[in-house]
Amino acid sequence: MHVQKINASPYDSNIYLINKKFLIDTGMDAATLIKELENHIGLNTLDEIILTHCHFDHSGAASEVADKSGAKIAIHEDDVECLKDNSASAADLFGYKAPGIEPDIIYKDGDKVQIADDEYLQIIHTPGHTKGCICLYEPQSKSLFSGDTVFPSGSVGRTDLDGGSADKLEKSIEKLTEFDVKVLYPGHGNVSVDNVNGQIKQSHQASKQLKYLQL
């Protein structure tokens, strides 16, 4: 699996170009992202834009990138309607309106995205940050694209926005501890390869504390 990490602006999520055909998240800055993508690929080779969740800093540029490239937009079923809601998409926090996207592909927990003949991404539904948050796991490289569910050094996604739940986040991260992860590709921050399983366990402990604080 070939992964190219892109940051379109300091406020955007991390963006990952996979095997030059699949994009995980888009950030908000479509113009900068499109220019950056054109340094790596012909836009018409992009097949799919996978959104880890509905928040605007991950999804704001998706529609324009899809229009320019012809790529299909995919998201988990529980975040579809949030793409049309200013609060649920957190667009109002950034001074924008909701993306208003009509996704082409709707994922459920356990679905697989074939990214090469012998490679796929497994969809893991991880609600807590939003209702339809997902992580994506590639078993050959043992890579986890974690969106805003977990971050390096035991950090976790916030649960105080529309659709957030500390209880659900704790259960979601507990699910992640069952995977053997060697490389963590978070929605924000640096890619990590240092004892990632241990870091996810630390995130699980942090989520337990967060849950108890909100009881």
Protein backbone atom coordinates (compact mmCIF):
# COMPACT_ATOMS: atom_id res chain seq x y z
CA MET A 1 0.00 0.00 0.00
CA HIS A 2 1.32 3.39 -1.00
CA VAL A 3 0.27 6.29 1.25
CA GLN A 4 0.86 9.98 0.57
CA LYS A 5 -0.03 12.33 3.47
CA ILE A 6 -1.29 15.76 2.46
CA ASN A 7 -2.10 18.82 4.54
CA ALA A 8 -3.94 21.49 2.58
CA SER A 9 -3.98 24.05 5.43
CA PRO A 10 -3.18 24.20 9.16
CA TYR A 11 -6.89 23.97 10.00
CA ASP A 12 -7.62 20.95 7.81
CA SER A 13 -7.60 17.33 8.74
CA ASN A 14 -4.85 15.10 7.48
CA ILE A 15 -5.58 13.85 3.98
CA TYR A 16 -4.28 10.51 2.76
CA LEU A 17 -3.88 9.50 -0.88
CA ILE A 18 -3.89 5.69 -1.09
CA ASN A 19 -2.42 3.85 -4.07
CA LYS A 20 -2.96 7.05 -6.08
CA LYS A 21 -6.68 6.21 -6.44
CA PHE A 22 -8.34 6.58 -3.04
CA LEU A 23 -8.53 9.67 -0.88
CA ILE A 24 -9.26 9.53 2.84
CA ASP A 25 -10.78 12.87 3.88
CA THR A 26 -10.35 16.15 2.01
CA GLY A 27 -10.00 18.97 4.51
CA MET A 28 -11.67 22.31 3.69
CA ASP A 29 -9.30 23.93 1.19
CA ALA A 30 -10.29 22.47 -2.16
CA ALA A 31 -8.08 24.70 -4.32
CA THR A 32 -4.89 23.84 -2.42
CA LEU A 33 -5.78 20.14 -2.25
CA ILE A 34 -6.46 19.93 -5.98
CA LYS A 35 -3.10 21.57 -6.76
CA GLU A 36 -1.35 19.17 -4.40
CA LEU A 37 -3.10 16.14 -5.89
CA GLU A 38 -2.08 17.22 -9.38
CA ASN A 39 1.55 16.99 -8.24
CA HIS A 40 1.02 13.28 -7.61
CA ILE A 41 -1.72 12.06 -9.97
CA GLY A 42 -3.97 12.96 -12.85
CA LEU A 43 -7.20 13.94 -11.14
CA ASN A 44 -9.24 11.63 -13.35
CA THR A 45 -7.42 8.62 -11.85
CA LEU A 46 -9.00 9.28 -8.44
CA ASP A 47 -11.70 6.66 -7.85
CA GLU A 48 -13.13 7.32 -4.41
CA ILE A 49 -13.17 9.88 -1.61
CA ILE A 50 -13.72 8.17 1.75
CA LEU A 51 -14.85 10.46 4.55
CA THR A 52 -14.01 9.25 8.05
CA HIS A 53 -16.87 11.41 9.33
CA CYS A 54 -19.04 14.38 8.51
CA HIS A 55 -17.12 17.23 10.17
CA PHE A 56 -16.33 20.12 7.86
CA ASP A 57 -12.57 20.08 8.44
CA HIS A 58 -12.60 16.56 6.95
CA SER A 59 -15.35 16.92 4.33
CA GLY A 60 -15.57 20.55 3.24
CA ALA A 61 -13.57 20.13 0.02
CA ALA A 62 -15.07 16.78 -0.97
CA SER A 63 -17.74 18.03 -3.34
CA GLU A 64 -15.38 20.23 -5.37
CA VAL A 65 -12.70 17.54 -5.56
CA ALA A 66 -15.32 15.02 -6.68
CA ASP A 67 -16.61 17.42 -9.35
CA LYS A 68 -13.09 17.99 -10.69
CA SER A 69 -12.03 14.33 -10.62
CA GLY A 70 -15.20 12.31 -11.11
CA ALA A 71 -14.46 10.38 -7.92
CA LYS A 72 -17.30 8.95 -5.85
CA ILE A 73 -17.86 10.16 -2.29
CA ALA A 74 -18.34 7.58 0.47
CA ILE A 75 -19.33 7.87 4.14
CA HIS A 76 -20.87 5.72 6.88
CA GLU A 77 -24.66 5.52 6.85
CA ASP A 78 -25.02 7.23 10.25
CA ASP A 79 -23.31 10.43 9.09
CA VAL A 80 -25.13 10.87 5.77
CA GLU A 81 -27.71 13.36 7.03
CA CYS A 82 -25.12 15.22 9.11
CA LEU A 83 -23.48 16.40 5.89
CA LYS A 84 -26.52 18.65 5.39
CA ASP A 85 -26.66 20.05 8.94
CA ASN A 86 -24.62 23.11 9.94
CA SER A 87 -24.29 22.02 13.57
CA ALA A 88 -23.85 18.26 13.09
CA SER A 89 -21.17 18.84 10.44
CA ALA A 90 -19.47 21.45 12.69
CA ALA A 91 -19.45 23.75 9.65
CA ASP A 92 -20.75 26.61 11.78
CA LEU A 93 -17.64 26.40 13.97
CA PHE A 94 -15.54 27.27 10.92
CA GLY A 95 -17.91 29.96 9.62
CA TYR A 96 -19.27 27.87 6.74
CA LYS A 97 -22.48 26.14 5.78
CA ALA A 98 -22.77 22.34 5.81
CA PRO A 99 -21.20 20.59 2.80
CA GLY A 100 -24.63 19.47 1.56
CA ILE A 101 -23.10 16.39 -0.06
CA GLU A 102 -25.16 13.52 -1.47
CA PRO A 103 -22.74 10.59 -1.08
CA ASP A 104 -22.46 8.01 -3.84
CA ILE A 105 -21.45 5.16 -1.54
CA ILE A 106 -22.80 4.45 1.94
CA TYR A 107 -20.78 2.17 4.20
CA LYS A 108 -21.72 -0.09 7.07
CA ASP A 109 -19.50 -1.65 9.73
CA GLY A 110 -17.46 -4.51 8.29
CA ASP A 111 -17.59 -3.38 4.66
CA LYS A 112 -14.39 -3.69 2.65
CA VAL A 113 -12.93 -1.25 0.14
CA GLN A 114 -10.76 -3.03 -2.43
CA ILE A 115 -7.78 -0.73 -3.03
CA ALA A 116 -5.64 -3.20 -5.03
CA ASP A 117 -5.92 -6.81 -6.20
CA ASP A 118 -4.59 -8.07 -2.87
CA GLU A 119 -5.30 -5.10 -0.58
CA TYR A 120 -8.43 -3.78 1.07
CA LEU A 121 -9.51 -1.36 3.76
CA GLN A 122 -11.91 -2.71 6.38
CA ILE A 123 -14.55 -0.26 7.57
CA ILE A 124 -14.74 -0.12 11.39
CA HIS A 125 -17.69 1.85 12.72
CA THR A 126 -16.38 3.86 15.69
CA PRO A 127 -19.12 6.22 16.92
CA GLY A 128 -18.36 8.67 19.71
CA HIS A 129 -16.85 11.68 17.97
CA THR A 130 -19.82 11.64 15.58
CA LYS A 131 -22.55 9.03 15.10
CA GLY A 132 -21.01 7.73 11.89
CA CYS A 133 -17.28 7.95 12.56
CA ILE A 134 -15.21 5.23 10.96
CA CYS A 135 -11.67 3.94 11.10
CA LEU A 136 -10.13 1.95 8.24
CA TYR A 137 -7.79 -1.00 8.71
CA GLU A 138 -5.43 -2.44 6.09
CA PRO A 139 -4.39 -5.92 7.31
CA GLN A 140 -1.25 -6.54 5.24
CA SER A 141 0.60 -3.47 6.51
CA LYS A 142 -1.42 -3.46 9.75
CA SER A 143 -2.26 0.19 9.17
CA LEU A 144 -5.10 2.05 10.84
CA PHE A 145 -6.56 5.28 9.47
CA SER A 146 -8.18 6.48 12.66
CA GLY A 147 -9.94 9.72 11.71
CA ASP A 148 -10.78 11.61 14.89
CA THR A 149 -11.38 8.51 17.03
CA VAL A 150 -7.84 8.08 18.35
CA PHE A 151 -4.66 10.10 18.01
CA PRO A 152 -1.01 9.36 18.89
CA SER A 153 0.18 9.32 22.49
CA GLY A 154 -3.12 8.11 23.91
CA SER A 155 -5.27 11.05 22.80
CA VAL A 156 -8.92 10.69 21.79
CA GLY A 157 -11.47 12.62 19.77
CA ARG A 158 -13.72 15.16 21.46
CA THR A 159 -17.25 14.13 22.34
CA ASP A 160 -18.87 17.50 23.14
CA LEU A 161 -20.12 18.27 19.63
CA ASP A 162 -23.44 17.32 18.05
CA GLY A 163 -23.67 13.51 17.89
CA GLY A 164 -20.78 12.95 20.29
CA SER A 165 -20.89 10.36 23.08
CA ALA A 166 -18.15 9.54 25.59
CA ASP A 167 -19.76 6.17 26.29
CA LYS A 168 -19.83 5.20 22.62
CA LEU A 169 -16.28 6.46 22.10
CA GLU A 170 -15.00 4.24 24.90
CA LYS A 171 -16.70 1.21 23.37
CA SER A 172 -15.38 2.11 19.92
CA ILE A 173 -11.78 2.38 21.10
CA GLU A 174 -12.15 -0.90 22.99
CA LYS A 175 -13.02 -2.42 19.60
CA LEU A 176 -9.82 -0.97 18.13
CA THR A 177 -7.69 -2.67 20.80
CA GLU A 178 -8.62 -5.99 19.16
CA PHE A 179 -6.66 -5.09 16.00
CA ASP A 180 -2.92 -5.50 15.59
CA VAL A 181 -1.78 -2.05 14.44
CA LYS A 182 1.75 -1.17 13.36
CA VAL A 183 1.12 2.20 11.68
CA LEU A 184 -1.33 4.84 12.88
CA TYR A 185 -2.56 7.40 10.36
CA PRO A 186 -4.59 9.86 12.50
CA GLY A 187 -7.02 12.52 11.33
CA HIS A 188 -4.75 15.20 12.85
CA GLY A 189 -1.12 15.15 13.92
CA ASN A 190 1.79 12.97 12.90
CA VAL A 191 1.78 9.42 11.59
CA SER A 192 3.05 7.06 14.30
CA VAL A 193 4.84 3.70 14.22
CA ASP A 194 5.98 3.58 17.85
CA ASN A 195 4.17 0.84 19.82
CA VAL A 196 0.86 1.76 18.24
CA ASN A 197 -1.06 -1.01 20.02
CA GLY A 198 0.16 0.45 23.31
CA GLN A 199 -0.89 3.93 22.25
CA ILE A 200 -4.40 2.70 21.40
CA LYS A 201 -4.63 1.04 24.81
CA GLN A 202 -3.67 4.37 26.37
CA SER A 203 -6.42 6.01 24.32
CA HIS A 204 -8.85 3.42 25.66
CA GLN A 205 -7.90 4.30 29.22
CA ALA A 206 -8.30 8.00 28.44
CA SER A 207 -11.76 7.35 26.98
CA LYS A 208 -12.79 5.55 30.17
CA GLN A 209 -11.79 8.57 32.21
CA LEU A 210 -13.66 10.85 29.83
CA LYS A 211 -16.78 8.70 30.15
CA TYR A 212 -16.69 8.80 33.95
CA LEU A 213 -16.24 12.57 33.93
CA GLN A 214 -19.39 12.93 31.87
CA LEU A 215 -21.54 10.57 33.97
